[in-house]
């Protein structure tokens, strides 16, 4: 993945952040919204795009724009770097190959325990039945 090309495809918007900051929070837009168009990206492959859209389902708009909002820090530059690092982590996670799950069988001990439990449960139910042969 070419990070320089990726940086050219990112759009940053400044927004007012809530939370700590005193008077500064009302004056300066320290929060950052990172916008990255996944579908039109030339940096990513088709498989990575599809996996990234699946990973970030709630953060992607109908047009395919991934929106990451960073407002953890009081500094705009730190928030910008935080948003960028979160995007890079998401892309790296999407680039990992998907491993197929191999179905497994329960162990011998688990099977025996299940059967014993069934026997105990059946015996309990049998003991609750009304016996008709006592009246004779």
C-alpha atoms as a PDB file:
ATOM      1  CA  UNK A   1       0.000   0.000   0.000  1.00  0.00           C
ATOM      2  CA  UNK A   2       1.411   3.353  -1.048  1.00  0.00           C
ATOM      3  CA  UNK A   3       0.836   5.821   1.790  1.00  0.00           C
ATOM      4  CA  UNK A   4       1.721   8.862  -0.351  1.00  0.00           C
ATOM      5  CA  UNK A   5      -0.994   8.044  -2.887  1.00  0.00           C
ATOM      6  CA  UNK A   6      -3.361   7.301  -0.037  1.00  0.00           C
ATOM      7  CA  UNK A   7      -2.732  10.762   1.478  1.00  0.00           C
ATOM      8  CA  UNK A   8      -3.703  12.353  -1.835  1.00  0.00           C
ATOM      9  CA  UNK A   9      -7.093  10.625  -1.740  1.00  0.00           C
ATOM     10  CA  UNK A  10      -7.926  11.755   1.813  1.00  0.00           C
ATOM     11  CA  UNK A  11     -10.008  14.869   2.496  1.00  0.00           C
ATOM     12  CA  UNK A  12      -9.891  16.455   5.963  1.00  0.00           C
ATOM     13  CA  UNK A  13     -12.673  18.648   7.340  1.00  0.00           C
ATOM     14  CA  UNK A  14     -12.371  20.674  10.553  1.00  0.00           C
ATOM     15  CA  UNK A  15     -15.326  20.612  12.927  1.00  0.00           C
ATOM     16  CA  UNK A  16     -16.013  21.907  16.424  1.00  0.00           C
ATOM     17  CA  UNK A  17     -15.374  19.257  19.034  1.00  0.00           C
ATOM     18  CA  UNK A  18     -17.324  18.720  22.206  1.00  0.00           C
ATOM     19  CA  UNK A  19     -15.667  17.900  25.495  1.00  0.00           C
ATOM     20  CA  UNK A  20     -12.668  19.378  27.316  1.00  0.00           C
ATOM     21  CA  UNK A  21     -10.867  22.453  26.098  1.00  0.00           C
ATOM     22  CA  UNK A  22     -12.298  25.379  28.059  1.00  0.00           C
ATOM     23  CA  UNK A  23     -12.820  28.528  26.026  1.00  0.00           C
ATOM     24  CA  UNK A  24     -10.745  26.990  23.261  1.00  0.00           C
ATOM     25  CA  UNK A  25     -13.512  24.506  22.446  1.00  0.00           C
ATOM     26  CA  UNK A  26     -15.844  27.323  21.347  1.00  0.00           C
ATOM     27  CA  UNK A  27     -13.259  29.201  19.282  1.00  0.00           C
ATOM     28  CA  UNK A  28     -11.198  26.606  17.445  1.00  0.00           C
ATOM     29  CA  UNK A  29     -12.327  23.666  15.331  1.00  0.00           C
ATOM     30  CA  UNK A  30     -10.033  20.993  16.752  1.00  0.00           C
ATOM     31  CA  UNK A  31     -11.949  17.869  15.733  1.00  0.00           C
ATOM     32  CA  UNK A  32     -11.197  16.377  12.336  1.00  0.00           C
ATOM     33  CA  UNK A  33     -13.419  14.473   9.933  1.00  0.00           C
ATOM     34  CA  UNK A  34     -11.470  12.309   7.535  1.00  0.00           C
ATOM     35  CA  UNK A  35     -13.241  11.431   4.283  1.00  0.00           C
ATOM     36  CA  UNK A  36     -11.952   8.661   2.030  1.00  0.00           C
ATOM     37  CA  UNK A  37     -13.831   7.492  -1.063  1.00  0.00           C
ATOM     38  CA  UNK A  38     -13.376   3.736  -0.963  1.00  0.00           C
ATOM     39  CA  UNK A  39     -15.066   2.965  -4.278  1.00  0.00           C
ATOM     40  CA  UNK A  40     -13.047   5.495  -6.313  1.00  0.00           C
ATOM     41  CA  UNK A  41      -9.709   4.768  -4.656  1.00  0.00           C
ATOM     42  CA  UNK A  42      -6.872   3.957  -7.053  1.00  0.00           C
ATOM     43  CA  UNK A  43      -4.578   2.837  -4.228  1.00  0.00           C
ATOM     44  CA  UNK A  44      -6.611  -0.173  -3.115  1.00  0.00           C
ATOM     45  CA  UNK A  45      -7.408  -3.379  -4.958  1.00  0.00           C
ATOM     46  CA  UNK A  46     -10.962  -4.549  -5.583  1.00  0.00           C
ATOM     47  CA  UNK A  47     -10.847  -7.269  -2.893  1.00  0.00           C
ATOM     48  CA  UNK A  48      -9.498  -4.823  -0.318  1.00  0.00           C
ATOM     49  CA  UNK A  49     -12.204  -2.296  -1.199  1.00  0.00           C
ATOM     50  CA  UNK A  50     -14.916  -4.906  -0.734  1.00  0.00           C
ATOM     51  CA  UNK A  51     -13.486  -6.057   2.617  1.00  0.00           C
ATOM     52  CA  UNK A  52     -13.036  -2.452   3.797  1.00  0.00           C
ATOM     53  CA  UNK A  53     -16.671  -1.669   2.962  1.00  0.00           C
ATOM     54  CA  UNK A  54     -17.732  -4.743   4.909  1.00  0.00           C
ATOM     55  CA  UNK A  55     -15.507  -3.848   7.894  1.00  0.00           C
ATOM     56  CA  UNK A  56     -16.642  -0.220   8.112  1.00  0.00           C
ATOM     57  CA  UNK A  57     -20.294  -0.776   7.250  1.00  0.00           C
ATOM     58  CA  UNK A  58     -21.670   1.876   9.619  1.00  0.00           C
ATOM     59  CA  UNK A  59     -19.087   4.509   8.716  1.00  0.00           C
ATOM     60  CA  UNK A  60     -19.555   4.381   4.934  1.00  0.00           C
ATOM     61  CA  UNK A  61     -22.101   6.566   3.183  1.00  0.00           C
ATOM     62  CA  UNK A  62     -24.269   5.404   0.272  1.00  0.00           C
ATOM     63  CA  UNK A  63     -21.762   6.950  -2.130  1.00  0.00           C
ATOM     64  CA  UNK A  64     -18.940   4.822  -0.712  1.00  0.00           C
ATOM     65  CA  UNK A  65     -17.261   7.559   1.336  1.00  0.00           C
ATOM     66  CA  UNK A  66     -15.680   6.360   4.576  1.00  0.00           C
ATOM     67  CA  UNK A  67     -15.966   8.967   7.347  1.00  0.00           C
ATOM     68  CA  UNK A  68     -13.717   8.811  10.409  1.00  0.00           C
ATOM     69  CA  UNK A  69     -14.177  11.446  13.106  1.00  0.00           C
ATOM     70  CA  UNK A  70     -11.279  12.136  15.472  1.00  0.00           C
ATOM     71  CA  UNK A  71     -11.742  14.342  18.511  1.00  0.00           C
ATOM     72  CA  UNK A  72      -9.636  12.580  21.131  1.00  0.00           C
ATOM     73  CA  UNK A  73      -7.009  15.313  21.412  1.00  0.00           C
ATOM     74  CA  UNK A  74      -7.185  19.092  21.871  1.00  0.00           C
ATOM     75  CA  UNK A  75      -4.794  19.669  18.979  1.00  0.00           C
ATOM     76  CA  UNK A  76      -6.063  19.586  15.414  1.00  0.00           C
ATOM     77  CA  UNK A  77      -2.798  18.100  14.136  1.00  0.00           C
ATOM     78  CA  UNK A  78      -2.927  15.245  16.644  1.00  0.00           C
ATOM     79  CA  UNK A  79      -6.542  14.546  15.701  1.00  0.00           C
ATOM     80  CA  UNK A  80      -5.621  14.581  12.016  1.00  0.00           C
ATOM     81  CA  UNK A  81      -2.828  12.063  12.625  1.00  0.00           C
ATOM     82  CA  UNK A  82      -5.134   9.948  14.811  1.00  0.00           C
ATOM     83  CA  UNK A  83      -7.781   9.780  12.068  1.00  0.00           C
ATOM     84  CA  UNK A  84      -5.153   8.914   9.451  1.00  0.00           C
ATOM     85  CA  UNK A  85      -3.702   6.128  11.615  1.00  0.00           C
ATOM     86  CA  UNK A  86      -7.179   4.692  12.202  1.00  0.00           C
ATOM     87  CA  UNK A  87      -7.780   4.642   8.451  1.00  0.00           C
ATOM     88  CA  UNK A  88      -4.426   2.947   7.813  1.00  0.00           C
ATOM     89  CA  UNK A  89      -5.212   0.318  10.488  1.00  0.00           C
ATOM     90  CA  UNK A  90      -8.603  -0.370   8.902  1.00  0.00           C
ATOM     91  CA  UNK A  91      -7.031  -0.739   5.462  1.00  0.00           C
ATOM     92  CA  UNK A  92      -4.317  -3.053   6.807  1.00  0.00           C
ATOM     93  CA  UNK A  93      -6.985  -5.178   8.473  1.00  0.00           C
ATOM     94  CA  UNK A  94      -8.921  -5.310   5.185  1.00  0.00           C
ATOM     95  CA  UNK A  95      -5.767  -6.381   3.314  1.00  0.00           C
ATOM     96  CA  UNK A  96      -5.286  -9.469   5.485  1.00  0.00           C
ATOM     97  CA  UNK A  97      -6.361 -12.650   3.731  1.00  0.00           C
ATOM     98  CA  UNK A  98      -9.613 -14.150   4.944  1.00  0.00           C
ATOM     99  CA  UNK A  99      -9.081 -17.533   6.551  1.00  0.00           C
ATOM    100  CA  UNK A 100     -11.806 -20.090   6.068  1.00  0.00           C
ATOM    101  CA  UNK A 101     -13.167 -21.681   9.214  1.00  0.00           C
ATOM    102  CA  UNK A 102     -12.554 -25.398   9.382  1.00  0.00           C
ATOM    103  CA  UNK A 103     -15.531 -27.154  10.961  1.00  0.00           C
ATOM    104  CA  UNK A 104     -14.548 -29.253  13.933  1.00  0.00           C
ATOM    105  CA  UNK A 105     -16.221 -32.070  15.847  1.00  0.00           C
ATOM    106  CA  UNK A 106     -16.764 -32.148  19.603  1.00  0.00           C
ATOM    107  CA  UNK A 107     -14.224 -34.172  21.583  1.00  0.00           C
ATOM    108  CA  UNK A 108     -14.863 -37.631  22.985  1.00  0.00           C
ATOM    109  CA  UNK A 109     -15.153 -36.308  26.542  1.00  0.00           C
ATOM    110  CA  UNK A 110     -17.730 -33.706  25.537  1.00  0.00           C
ATOM    111  CA  UNK A 111     -19.801 -36.351  23.720  1.00  0.00           C
ATOM    112  CA  UNK A 112     -19.734 -38.693  26.742  1.00  0.00           C
ATOM    113  CA  UNK A 113     -20.669 -35.864  29.113  1.00  0.00           C
ATOM    114  CA  UNK A 114     -23.607 -34.894  26.888  1.00  0.00           C
ATOM    115  CA  UNK A 115     -24.887 -38.489  26.781  1.00  0.00           C
ATOM    116  CA  UNK A 116     -24.553 -38.873  30.565  1.00  0.00           C
ATOM    117  CA  UNK A 117     -26.488 -35.653  31.055  1.00  0.00           C
ATOM    118  CA  UNK A 118     -29.222 -36.932  28.740  1.00  0.00           C
ATOM    119  CA  UNK A 119     -29.466 -40.161  30.744  1.00  0.00           C
ATOM    120  CA  UNK A 120     -29.723 -38.246  34.033  1.00  0.00           C
ATOM    121  CA  UNK A 121     -32.399 -35.963  32.611  1.00  0.00           C
ATOM    122  CA  UNK A 122     -34.417 -38.912  31.239  1.00  0.00           C
ATOM    123  CA  UNK A 123     -34.221 -40.710  34.620  1.00  0.00           C
ATOM    124  CA  UNK A 124     -35.465 -37.557  36.373  1.00  0.00           C
ATOM    125  CA  UNK A 125     -38.442 -37.387  34.012  1.00  0.00           C
ATOM    126  CA  UNK A 126     -39.184 -41.099  34.518  1.00  0.00           C
ATOM    127  CA  UNK A 127     -39.275 -40.605  38.306  1.00  0.00           C
ATOM    128  CA  UNK A 128     -41.927 -37.895  37.940  1.00  0.00           C
ATOM    129  CA  UNK A 129     -44.414 -40.197  36.159  1.00  0.00           C
ATOM    130  CA  UNK A 130     -47.454 -41.451  38.062  1.00  0.00           C
ATOM    131  CA  UNK A 131     -47.126 -45.192  38.560  1.00  0.00           C
ATOM    132  CA  UNK A 132     -50.307 -47.141  38.032  1.00  0.00           C
ATOM    133  CA  UNK A 133     -49.025 -50.489  39.314  1.00  0.00           C
ATOM    134  CA  UNK A 134     -48.992 -49.246  42.977  1.00  0.00           C
ATOM    135  CA  UNK A 135     -52.773 -49.382  43.252  1.00  0.00           C
ATOM    136  CA  UNK A 136     -52.939 -53.137  42.845  1.00  0.00           C
END
